[in-house]
Amino acid sequence: MKVCGVDEAGRGPLAGPVCAAAVILDAAHPIAGLDDSKKLSEKKRDRLAVEIKAKALAWGVGWASVAEIDRINILQATLLAMQRAVAALSVLPTEILVDGNRLPRFDVPARAIIGGDATVVEISAASILAKTARDAEMLKLHALAPQYGLDRHKGYGTAAHLEALRLHGAAEFHRRSFAPVRDVIAQRT
């Protein structure tokens, strides 16, 4: 049985792509400390991400761009990123377990599990890989446009990010289909 866990990171932010990861763990090489990525410190997530990549039978990461998010909506873009993460696996899973209540189409049996990132180790591992991959991407965007403070809030709609949007306008990595970004663009034109 090759169970694959799938989770995403970055559905809520105003900036950057959405990321999904898929992980098939190896029962012969257990990983201690797996949990919902939101419950772990950044340092622990980073350490676990390295261990997951080293010990998993297979793992994959999939993305949906800001342009795709704006064109097809965040839910559909998230499902697309999940399909891409599973397609990136080097091993075909026998079952896919997805965190949440929505499933993309897969060629193998799949189930949605609400709260799965805290209760299913394969989904916990996927949540860690998705979060660390997206955070790394946000640091790259921060290097290109430090005025938005993406290194601190990772694109979420914090007061500091909203203020930066008002001051500097929207960058190409901002999701124009999200109301706070749309509102800033409308006020600046």
N, C-alpha and C. Protein backbone atom coordinates (compact mmCIF):
# COMPACT_ATOMS: atom_id res chain seq x y z
N MET A 1 0.85 -1.19 0.00
CA MET A 1 0.00 0.00 0.00
C MET A 1 0.89 1.24 0.00
N LYS A 2 0.75 2.07 -1.02
CA LYS A 2 1.52 3.30 -1.11
C LYS A 2 0.56 4.48 -0.95
N VAL A 3 0.38 4.90 0.30
CA VAL A 3 -0.54 6.00 0.61
C VAL A 3 0.18 7.32 0.40
N CYS A 4 -0.44 8.19 -0.34
CA CYS A 4 0.12 9.51 -0.62
C CYS A 4 -0.69 10.56 0.13
N GLY A 5 -0.02 11.41 0.88
CA GLY A 5 -0.66 12.55 1.52
C GLY A 5 -0.48 13.79 0.67
N VAL A 6 -1.50 14.63 0.61
CA VAL A 6 -1.44 15.86 -0.18
C VAL A 6 -1.98 17.02 0.66
N ASP A 7 -1.26 18.14 0.62
CA ASP A 7 -1.73 19.36 1.28
C ASP A 7 -1.19 20.56 0.51
N GLU A 8 -1.75 21.71 0.84
CA GLU A 8 -1.35 22.95 0.16
C GLU A 8 -0.89 23.99 1.16
N ALA A 9 -0.23 25.01 0.63
CA ALA A 9 0.12 26.19 1.41
C ALA A 9 -0.09 27.41 0.53
N GLY A 10 -0.66 28.45 1.12
CA GLY A 10 -0.78 29.71 0.39
C GLY A 10 -2.10 29.97 -0.27
N ARG A 11 -3.19 29.43 0.26
CA ARG A 11 -4.50 29.76 -0.32
C ARG A 11 -4.93 31.18 0.04
N GLY A 12 -4.63 31.62 1.26
CA GLY A 12 -5.15 32.88 1.75
C GLY A 12 -4.37 34.14 1.43
N PRO A 13 -3.07 34.06 1.15
CA PRO A 13 -2.30 35.29 0.94
C PRO A 13 -2.77 36.13 -0.25
N LEU A 14 -2.35 37.37 -0.23
CA LEU A 14 -2.66 38.32 -1.31
C LEU A 14 -1.61 38.28 -2.40
N ALA A 15 -0.50 37.58 -2.14
CA ALA A 15 0.63 37.59 -3.08
C ALA A 15 1.22 36.20 -3.20
N GLY A 16 1.80 35.94 -4.35
CA GLY A 16 2.55 34.72 -4.59
C GLY A 16 1.69 33.56 -5.06
N PRO A 17 2.37 32.52 -5.55
CA PRO A 17 1.67 31.33 -6.03
C PRO A 17 1.11 30.50 -4.88
N VAL A 18 0.26 29.55 -5.22
CA VAL A 18 -0.18 28.55 -4.24
C VAL A 18 0.66 27.30 -4.52
N CYS A 19 1.02 26.61 -3.45
CA CYS A 19 1.90 25.45 -3.53
C CYS A 19 1.21 24.24 -2.93
N ALA A 20 1.42 23.08 -3.52
CA ALA A 20 0.92 21.83 -2.94
C ALA A 20 2.08 20.84 -2.94
N ALA A 21 2.02 19.90 -2.01
CA ALA A 21 3.01 18.84 -1.96
C ALA A 21 2.31 17.51 -1.81
N ALA A 22 2.96 16.47 -2.31
CA ALA A 22 2.48 15.10 -2.21
C ALA A 22 3.62 14.26 -1.65
N VAL A 23 3.32 13.41 -0.67
CA VAL A 23 4.37 12.60 -0.03
C VAL A 23 3.88 11.17 0.17
N ILE A 24 4.74 10.22 -0.21
CA ILE A 24 4.54 8.81 0.13
C ILE A 24 5.66 8.46 1.10
N LEU A 25 5.30 8.21 2.35
CA LEU A 25 6.29 7.88 3.37
C LEU A 25 6.73 6.42 3.25
N ASP A 26 7.90 6.14 3.79
CA ASP A 26 8.47 4.80 3.82
C ASP A 26 8.35 4.25 5.24
N ALA A 27 7.52 3.23 5.43
CA ALA A 27 7.30 2.67 6.77
C ALA A 27 8.60 2.16 7.39
N ALA A 28 9.57 1.81 6.57
CA ALA A 28 10.86 1.31 7.08
C ALA A 28 11.74 2.45 7.61
N HIS A 29 11.38 3.68 7.29
CA HIS A 29 12.15 4.85 7.73
C HIS A 29 11.21 5.90 8.33
N PRO A 30 10.68 5.64 9.53
CA PRO A 30 9.73 6.58 10.14
C PRO A 30 10.38 7.93 10.48
N ILE A 31 9.55 8.95 10.51
CA ILE A 31 10.01 10.31 10.80
C ILE A 31 9.28 10.79 12.05
N ALA A 32 10.02 11.09 13.09
CA ALA A 32 9.42 11.56 14.35
C ALA A 32 9.08 13.04 14.25
N GLY A 33 7.97 13.43 14.88
CA GLY A 33 7.63 14.84 15.01
C GLY A 33 6.76 15.41 13.92
N LEU A 34 6.25 14.58 13.02
CA LEU A 34 5.39 15.10 11.95
C LEU A 34 4.09 15.63 12.55
N ASP A 35 3.67 16.80 12.06
CA ASP A 35 2.45 17.44 12.54
C ASP A 35 2.03 18.46 11.50
N ASP A 36 0.87 19.05 11.71
CA ASP A 36 0.40 20.15 10.88
C ASP A 36 1.49 21.22 10.87
N SER A 37 1.89 21.66 9.68
CA SER A 37 2.99 22.63 9.57
C SER A 37 2.74 23.90 10.36
N LYS A 38 1.45 24.27 10.52
CA LYS A 38 1.13 25.51 11.25
C LYS A 38 1.41 25.38 12.75
N LYS A 39 1.53 24.14 13.24
CA LYS A 39 1.80 23.91 14.66
C LYS A 39 3.29 23.81 14.96
N LEU A 40 4.13 23.87 13.94
CA LEU A 40 5.57 23.70 14.10
C LEU A 40 6.30 25.03 13.91
N SER A 41 7.41 25.19 14.59
CA SER A 41 8.24 26.38 14.39
C SER A 41 8.89 26.30 13.01
N GLU A 42 9.30 27.45 12.51
CA GLU A 42 9.96 27.49 11.20
C GLU A 42 11.20 26.60 11.21
N LYS A 43 11.97 26.66 12.27
CA LYS A 43 13.20 25.86 12.38
C LYS A 43 12.88 24.35 12.32
N LYS A 44 11.84 23.93 13.03
CA LYS A 44 11.46 22.52 13.04
C LYS A 44 10.92 22.10 11.68
N ARG A 45 10.12 22.96 11.04
CA ARG A 45 9.62 22.65 9.69
C ARG A 45 10.78 22.45 8.72
N ASP A 46 11.76 23.37 8.78
CA ASP A 46 12.91 23.28 7.86
C ASP A 46 13.68 21.98 8.08
N ARG A 47 13.87 21.59 9.34
CA ARG A 47 14.60 20.36 9.66
C ARG A 47 13.81 19.14 9.17
N LEU A 48 12.51 19.14 9.43
CA LEU A 48 11.68 18.02 9.01
C LEU A 48 11.58 17.92 7.48
N ALA A 49 11.56 19.05 6.80
CA ALA A 49 11.49 19.03 5.33
C ALA A 49 12.69 18.29 4.74
N VAL A 50 13.87 18.53 5.29
CA VAL A 50 15.08 17.84 4.82
C VAL A 50 14.95 16.34 5.07
N GLU A 51 14.46 15.98 6.26
CA GLU A 51 14.31 14.56 6.62
C GLU A 51 13.26 13.88 5.75
N ILE A 52 12.15 14.56 5.49
CA ILE A 52 11.10 14.00 4.63
C ILE A 52 11.65 13.72 3.24
N LYS A 53 12.37 14.68 2.67
CA LYS A 53 12.92 14.50 1.33
C LYS A 53 13.93 13.35 1.29
N ALA A 54 14.66 13.15 2.38
CA ALA A 54 15.66 12.08 2.43
C ALA A 54 15.04 10.70 2.65
N LYS A 55 13.97 10.62 3.44
CA LYS A 55 13.43 9.32 3.86
C LYS A 55 12.18 8.86 3.13
N ALA A 56 11.44 9.76 2.50
CA ALA A 56 10.18 9.38 1.85
C ALA A 56 10.44 8.46 0.66
N LEU A 57 9.48 7.58 0.37
CA LEU A 57 9.56 6.78 -0.85
C LEU A 57 9.51 7.69 -2.07
N ALA A 58 8.67 8.73 -1.98
CA ALA A 58 8.54 9.70 -3.07
C ALA A 58 7.90 10.97 -2.53
N TRP A 59 8.27 12.09 -3.16
CA TRP A 59 7.63 13.36 -2.83
C TRP A 59 7.63 14.23 -4.07
N GLY A 60 6.65 15.12 -4.13
CA GLY A 60 6.57 16.04 -5.26
C GLY A 60 5.93 17.34 -4.82
N VAL A 61 6.29 18.39 -5.51
CA VAL A 61 5.73 19.71 -5.23
C VAL A 61 5.10 20.24 -6.52
N GLY A 62 3.94 20.85 -6.39
CA GLY A 62 3.25 21.44 -7.54
C GLY A 62 2.84 22.86 -7.23
N TRP A 63 2.79 23.68 -8.26
CA TRP A 63 2.49 25.11 -8.10
C TRP A 63 1.36 25.52 -9.02
N ALA A 64 0.65 26.56 -8.62
CA ALA A 64 -0.24 27.28 -9.53
C ALA A 64 0.13 28.75 -9.39
N SER A 65 0.35 29.39 -10.50
CA SER A 65 0.86 30.76 -10.53
C SER A 65 -0.21 31.78 -10.16
N VAL A 66 0.25 33.00 -9.90
CA VAL A 66 -0.67 34.10 -9.62
C VAL A 66 -1.62 34.31 -10.82
N ALA A 67 -1.09 34.21 -12.03
CA ALA A 67 -1.94 34.37 -13.22
C ALA A 67 -3.01 33.29 -13.26
N GLU A 68 -2.65 32.06 -12.91
CA GLU A 68 -3.65 30.98 -12.89
C GLU A 68 -4.68 31.21 -11.79
N ILE A 69 -4.22 31.66 -10.62
CA ILE A 69 -5.14 31.96 -9.51
C ILE A 69 -6.16 33.01 -9.96
N ASP A 70 -5.67 34.06 -10.59
CA ASP A 70 -6.55 35.15 -11.03
C ASP A 70 -7.49 34.70 -12.15
N ARG A 71 -7.03 33.75 -12.98
CA ARG A 71 -7.85 33.31 -14.12
C ARG A 71 -8.91 32.29 -13.71
N ILE A 72 -8.55 31.31 -12.85
CA ILE A 72 -9.49 30.20 -12.59
C ILE A 72 -10.02 30.18 -11.16
N ASN A 73 -9.56 31.04 -10.29
CA ASN A 73 -9.91 31.22 -8.88
C ASN A 73 -9.00 30.38 -7.98
N ILE A 74 -8.93 30.75 -6.73
CA ILE A 74 -7.96 30.14 -5.81
C ILE A 74 -8.28 28.67 -5.54
N LEU A 75 -9.54 28.30 -5.44
CA LEU A 75 -9.86 26.89 -5.20
C LEU A 75 -9.40 26.02 -6.36
N GLN A 76 -9.77 26.42 -7.58
CA GLN A 76 -9.38 25.63 -8.75
C GLN A 76 -7.86 25.61 -8.92
N ALA A 77 -7.19 26.72 -8.62
CA ALA A 77 -5.73 26.77 -8.71
C ALA A 77 -5.10 25.84 -7.68
N THR A 78 -5.68 25.78 -6.49
CA THR A 78 -5.18 24.88 -5.45
C THR A 78 -5.32 23.43 -5.89
N LEU A 79 -6.47 23.06 -6.43
CA LEU A 79 -6.68 21.70 -6.91
C LEU A 79 -5.71 21.36 -8.04
N LEU A 80 -5.42 22.33 -8.91
CA LEU A 80 -4.46 22.14 -9.99
C LEU A 80 -3.05 21.91 -9.43
N ALA A 81 -2.66 22.70 -8.44
CA ALA A 81 -1.35 22.52 -7.81
C ALA A 81 -1.24 21.13 -7.18
N MET A 82 -2.34 20.65 -6.58
CA MET A 82 -2.35 19.30 -5.99
C MET A 82 -2.16 18.23 -7.06
N GLN A 83 -2.83 18.38 -8.20
CA GLN A 83 -2.66 17.42 -9.29
C GLN A 83 -1.21 17.44 -9.79
N ARG A 84 -0.62 18.62 -9.88
CA ARG A 84 0.77 18.73 -10.33
C ARG A 84 1.74 18.10 -9.32
N ALA A 85 1.45 18.24 -8.02
CA ALA A 85 2.31 17.63 -7.00
C ALA A 85 2.27 16.11 -7.11
N VAL A 86 1.09 15.54 -7.29
CA VAL A 86 0.97 14.09 -7.43
C VAL A 86 1.65 13.63 -8.72
N ALA A 87 1.49 14.40 -9.80
CA ALA A 87 2.12 14.05 -11.07
C ALA A 87 3.65 14.07 -10.97
N ALA A 88 4.19 14.85 -10.03
CA ALA A 88 5.64 14.95 -9.86
C ALA A 88 6.23 13.78 -9.07
N LEU A 89 5.39 12.92 -8.51
CA LEU A 89 5.88 11.77 -7.75
C LEU A 89 6.61 10.79 -8.66
N SER A 90 7.68 10.19 -8.15
CA SER A 90 8.41 9.17 -8.91
C SER A 90 7.82 7.77 -8.72
N VAL A 91 6.88 7.64 -7.77
CA VAL A 91 6.22 6.37 -7.46
C VAL A 91 4.71 6.61 -7.55
N LEU A 92 4.01 5.68 -8.19
CA LEU A 92 2.56 5.81 -8.30
C LEU A 92 1.90 5.37 -6.99
N PRO A 93 1.09 6.24 -6.37
CA PRO A 93 0.42 5.85 -5.13
C PRO A 93 -0.75 4.90 -5.41
N THR A 94 -1.13 4.15 -4.37
CA THR A 94 -2.32 3.30 -4.49
C THR A 94 -3.55 4.01 -3.94
N GLU A 95 -3.32 4.99 -3.07
CA GLU A 95 -4.41 5.80 -2.51
C GLU A 95 -3.87 7.19 -2.21
N ILE A 96 -4.73 8.20 -2.40
CA ILE A 96 -4.35 9.59 -2.12
C ILE A 96 -5.28 10.13 -1.04
N LEU A 97 -4.67 10.71 0.00
CA LEU A 97 -5.42 11.34 1.08
C LEU A 97 -5.12 12.84 1.03
N VAL A 98 -6.16 13.64 0.88
CA VAL A 98 -6.00 15.09 0.71
C VAL A 98 -6.56 15.81 1.93
N ASP A 99 -5.81 16.76 2.45
CA ASP A 99 -6.30 17.55 3.57
C ASP A 99 -7.45 18.44 3.08
N GLY A 100 -8.52 18.50 3.87
CA GLY A 100 -9.62 19.41 3.54
C GLY A 100 -10.87 18.67 3.15
N ASN A 101 -11.73 19.38 2.43
CA ASN A 101 -13.02 18.80 2.06
C ASN A 101 -13.26 18.77 0.55
N ARG A 102 -12.23 19.09 -0.23
CA ARG A 102 -12.36 19.10 -1.70
C ARG A 102 -11.26 18.25 -2.31
N LEU A 103 -11.61 17.54 -3.37
CA LEU A 103 -10.66 16.67 -4.05
C LEU A 103 -10.50 17.07 -5.51
N PRO A 104 -9.27 17.15 -5.99
CA PRO A 104 -9.10 17.25 -7.44
C PRO A 104 -9.34 15.87 -8.06
N ARG A 105 -9.37 15.80 -9.36
CA ARG A 105 -9.48 14.50 -10.03
C ARG A 105 -8.11 13.84 -10.06
N PHE A 106 -8.07 12.59 -9.66
CA PHE A 106 -6.86 11.79 -9.73
C PHE A 106 -7.18 10.48 -10.43
N ASP A 107 -6.15 9.79 -10.91
CA ASP A 107 -6.33 8.50 -11.58
C ASP A 107 -6.32 7.33 -10.60
N VAL A 108 -6.16 7.59 -9.31
CA VAL A 108 -6.18 6.54 -8.29
C VAL A 108 -7.21 6.93 -7.23
N PRO A 109 -7.66 5.98 -6.42
CA PRO A 109 -8.64 6.31 -5.39
C PRO A 109 -8.13 7.41 -4.45
N ALA A 110 -9.02 8.32 -4.08
CA ALA A 110 -8.63 9.45 -3.23
C ALA A 110 -9.76 9.77 -2.26
N ARG A 111 -9.36 10.29 -1.10
CA ARG A 111 -10.32 10.73 -0.09
C ARG A 111 -9.88 12.07 0.47
N ALA A 112 -10.84 12.92 0.76
CA ALA A 112 -10.58 14.19 1.46
C ALA A 112 -10.76 13.94 2.95
N ILE A 113 -9.83 14.48 3.75
CA ILE A 113 -9.88 14.30 5.20
C ILE A 113 -9.76 15.67 5.86
N ILE A 114 -10.85 16.12 6.46
CA ILE A 114 -10.83 17.41 7.16
C ILE A 114 -9.93 17.27 8.39
N GLY A 115 -8.99 18.20 8.53
CA GLY A 115 -8.04 18.13 9.65
C GLY A 115 -6.97 17.08 9.47
N GLY A 116 -6.84 16.56 8.26
CA GLY A 116 -5.87 15.51 7.98
C GLY A 116 -4.42 15.92 8.22
N ASP A 117 -4.13 17.22 8.11
CA ASP A 117 -2.74 17.67 8.32
C ASP A 117 -2.29 17.44 9.76
N ALA A 118 -3.23 17.26 10.69
CA ALA A 118 -2.88 17.01 12.09
C ALA A 118 -3.07 15.55 12.49
N THR A 119 -3.72 14.75 11.63
CA THR A 119 -4.06 13.39 12.04
C THR A 119 -3.48 12.29 11.15
N VAL A 120 -3.06 12.62 9.96
CA VAL A 120 -2.52 11.63 9.02
C VAL A 120 -1.07 12.02 8.71
N VAL A 121 -0.12 11.15 9.06
CA VAL A 121 1.30 11.55 8.93
C VAL A 121 1.70 11.88 7.50
N GLU A 122 1.13 11.19 6.52
CA GLU A 122 1.47 11.49 5.13
C GLU A 122 1.03 12.91 4.75
N ILE A 123 -0.15 13.32 5.25
CA ILE A 123 -0.62 14.68 4.98
C ILE A 123 0.20 15.69 5.78
N SER A 124 0.57 15.36 7.01
CA SER A 124 1.44 16.24 7.80
C SER A 124 2.74 16.50 7.05
N ALA A 125 3.34 15.44 6.52
CA ALA A 125 4.59 15.58 5.76
C ALA A 125 4.38 16.48 4.54
N ALA A 126 3.26 16.29 3.85
CA ALA A 126 2.96 17.13 2.68
C ALA A 126 2.76 18.58 3.09
N SER A 127 2.10 18.81 4.23
CA SER A 127 1.88 20.19 4.68
C SER A 127 3.22 20.88 4.97
N ILE A 128 4.17 20.12 5.53
CA ILE A 128 5.50 20.68 5.83
C ILE A 128 6.24 21.02 4.54
N LEU A 129 6.22 20.12 3.57
CA LEU A 129 6.92 20.40 2.30
C LEU A 129 6.28 21.57 1.55
N ALA A 130 4.95 21.62 1.54
CA ALA A 130 4.28 22.73 0.84
C ALA A 130 4.61 24.06 1.51
N LYS A 131 4.56 24.11 2.83
CA LYS A 131 4.82 25.35 3.56
C LYS A 131 6.27 25.80 3.38
N THR A 132 7.22 24.89 3.51
CA THR A 132 8.63 25.29 3.39
C THR A 132 8.96 25.70 1.95
N ALA A 133 8.38 25.02 0.96
CA ALA A 133 8.62 25.40 -0.44
C ALA A 133 8.03 26.78 -0.73
N ARG A 134 6.82 27.03 -0.25
CA ARG A 134 6.20 28.34 -0.51
C ARG A 134 6.93 29.45 0.22
N ASP A 135 7.33 29.20 1.47
CA ASP A 135 8.08 30.23 2.22
C ASP A 135 9.37 30.58 1.50
N ALA A 136 10.06 29.57 0.96
CA ALA A 136 11.31 29.83 0.21
C ALA A 136 11.02 30.68 -1.02
N GLU A 137 9.91 30.40 -1.70
CA GLU A 137 9.53 31.19 -2.87
C GLU A 137 9.22 32.64 -2.47
N MET A 138 8.57 32.82 -1.33
CA MET A 138 8.24 34.18 -0.88
C MET A 138 9.52 34.95 -0.52
N LEU A 139 10.54 34.27 -0.01
CA LEU A 139 11.81 34.95 0.27
C LEU A 139 12.48 35.41 -1.03
N LYS A 140 12.34 34.62 -2.10
CA LYS A 140 12.86 35.04 -3.41
C LYS A 140 12.14 36.30 -3.90
N LEU A 141 10.81 36.32 -3.74
CA LEU A 141 10.04 37.51 -4.15
C LEU A 141 10.40 38.70 -3.27
N HIS A 142 10.66 38.46 -1.99
CA HIS A 142 11.07 39.54 -1.10
C HIS A 142 12.37 40.18 -1.58
N ALA A 143 13.30 39.36 -2.04
CA ALA A 143 14.57 39.88 -2.53
C ALA A 143 14.38 40.80 -3.74
N LEU A 144 13.34 40.53 -4.54
CA LEU A 144 13.05 41.36 -5.72
C LEU A 144 12.29 42.63 -5.36
N ALA A 145 11.48 42.58 -4.29
CA ALA A 145 10.64 43.72 -3.91
C ALA A 145 10.54 43.80 -2.39
N PRO A 146 11.63 44.20 -1.72
CA PRO A 146 11.65 44.19 -0.25
C PRO A 146 10.66 45.15 0.40
N GLN A 147 10.18 46.12 -0.36
CA GLN A 147 9.27 47.13 0.21
C GLN A 147 7.95 46.53 0.70
N TYR A 148 7.62 45.31 0.27
CA TYR A 148 6.35 44.70 0.69
C TYR A 148 6.49 43.86 1.97
N GLY A 149 7.71 43.56 2.40
CA GLY A 149 7.90 42.80 3.64
C GLY A 149 7.47 41.35 3.57
N LEU A 150 7.59 40.74 2.39
CA LEU A 150 7.14 39.36 2.21
C LEU A 150 7.92 38.38 3.09
N ASP A 151 9.12 38.75 3.51
CA ASP A 151 9.90 37.87 4.38
C ASP A 151 9.25 37.70 5.75
N ARG A 152 8.44 38.67 6.13
CA ARG A 152 7.80 38.62 7.45
C ARG A 152 6.41 37.98 7.40
N HIS A 153 5.57 38.41 6.45
CA HIS A 153 4.18 37.94 6.44
C HIS A 153 3.87 36.94 5.33
N LYS A 154 4.84 36.66 4.47
CA LYS A 154 4.71 35.65 3.41
C LYS A 154 3.54 35.92 2.47
N GLY A 155 3.15 37.19 2.36
CA GLY A 155 2.10 37.55 1.42
C GLY A 155 0.71 37.64 2.01
N TYR A 156 0.56 37.28 3.28
CA TYR A 156 -0.76 37.37 3.91
C TYR A 156 -1.16 38.83 4.07
N GLY A 157 -2.45 39.07 4.28
CA GLY A 157 -3.00 40.43 4.32
C GLY A 157 -2.84 41.09 5.68
N THR A 158 -1.62 41.17 6.17
CA THR A 158 -1.38 41.84 7.44
C THR A 158 -1.52 43.36 7.27
N ALA A 159 -1.60 44.06 8.39
CA ALA A 159 -1.68 45.53 8.33
C ALA A 159 -0.47 46.10 7.60
N ALA A 160 0.71 45.56 7.87
CA ALA A 160 1.94 46.05 7.22
C ALA A 160 1.89 45.81 5.71
N HIS A 161 1.38 44.66 5.30
CA HIS A 161 1.30 44.36 3.87
C HIS A 161 0.28 45.27 3.18
N LEU A 162 -0.85 45.45 3.82
CA LEU A 162 -1.88 46.34 3.24
C LEU A 162 -1.36 47.77 3.12
N GLU A 163 -0.61 48.23 4.12
CA GLU A 163 -0.02 49.57 4.06
C GLU A 163 0.99 49.66 2.92
N ALA A 164 1.82 48.62 2.75
CA ALA A 164 2.79 48.61 1.65
C ALA A 164 2.07 48.61 0.29
N LEU A 165 0.97 47.89 0.20
CA LEU A 165 0.18 47.91 -1.03
C LEU A 165 -0.34 49.32 -1.33
N ARG A 166 -0.83 50.01 -0.29
CA ARG A 166 -1.32 51.38 -0.49
C ARG A 166 -0.19 52.32 -0.92
N LEU A 167 0.97 52.15 -0.33
CA LEU A 167 2.11 53.03 -0.65
C LEU A 167 2.71 52.76 -2.02
N HIS A 168 2.85 51.48 -2.37
CA HIS A 168 3.62 51.12 -3.56
C HIS A 168 2.78 50.55 -4.70
N GLY A 169 1.48 50.34 -4.45
CA GLY A 169 0.66 49.71 -5.48
C GLY A 169 0.90 48.21 -5.52
N ALA A 170 0.25 47.55 -6.43
CA ALA A 170 0.38 46.10 -6.56
C ALA A 170 1.53 45.75 -7.48
N ALA A 171 2.29 44.73 -7.08
CA ALA A 171 3.37 44.20 -7.91
C ALA A 171 2.81 43.07 -8.78
N GLU A 172 3.62 42.57 -9.69
CA GLU A 172 3.14 41.49 -10.58
C GLU A 172 2.81 40.21 -9.82
N PHE A 173 3.37 40.05 -8.62
CA PHE A 173 3.11 38.84 -7.84
C PHE A 173 1.89 38.97 -6.93
N HIS A 174 1.17 40.08 -7.01
CA HIS A 174 -0.05 40.23 -6.22
C HIS A 174 -1.25 39.64 -6.98
N ARG A 175 -2.16 39.03 -6.24
CA ARG A 175 -3.34 38.38 -6.80
C ARG A 175 -4.43 39.43 -7.02
N ARG A 176 -4.60 39.81 -8.26
CA ARG A 176 -5.53 40.88 -8.60
C ARG A 176 -7.00 40.49 -8.40
N SER A 177 -7.27 39.20 -8.32
CA SER A 177 -8.65 38.74 -8.10
C SER A 177 -9.05 38.80 -6.63
N PHE A 178 -8.10 39.10 -5.74
CA PHE A 178 -8.40 39.20 -4.31
C PHE A 178 -8.80 40.64 -3.99
N ALA A 179 -9.89 40.81 -3.25
CA ALA A 179 -10.50 42.12 -3.01
C ALA A 179 -9.52 43.18 -2.48
N PRO A 180 -8.68 42.93 -1.49
CA PRO A 180 -7.79 43.99 -1.01
C PRO A 180 -6.83 44.51 -2.10
N VAL A 181 -6.37 43.62 -2.96
CA VAL A 181 -5.48 44.04 -4.06
C VAL A 181 -6.29 44.80 -5.10
N ARG A 182 -7.46 44.28 -5.46
CA ARG A 182 -8.34 44.94 -6.43
C ARG A 182 -8.69 46.35 -5.96
N ASP A 183 -8.98 46.48 -4.65
CA ASP A 183 -9.35 47.79 -4.08
C ASP A 183 -8.19 48.80 -4.19
N VAL A 184 -6.97 48.34 -3.91
CA VAL A 184 -5.80 49.23 -3.99
C VAL A 184 -5.59 49.68 -5.43
N ILE A 185 -5.73 48.75 -6.38
CA ILE A 185 -5.57 49.10 -7.80
C ILE A 185 -6.62 50.13 -8.22
N ALA A 186 -7.86 49.91 -7.77
CA ALA A 186 -8.95 50.83 -8.11
C ALA A 186 -8.70 52.22 -7.53
N GLN A 187 -8.17 52.29 -6.30
CA GLN A 187 -7.92 53.59 -5.66
C GLN A 187 -6.77 54.34 -6.33
N ARG A 188 -5.85 53.62 -6.94
CA ARG A 188 -4.67 54.24 -7.55
C ARG A 188 -4.89 54.65 -8.99
N THR A 189 -6.03 54.28 -9.59
CA THR A 189 -6.26 54.63 -11.00
C THR A 189 -7.20 55.81 -11.13
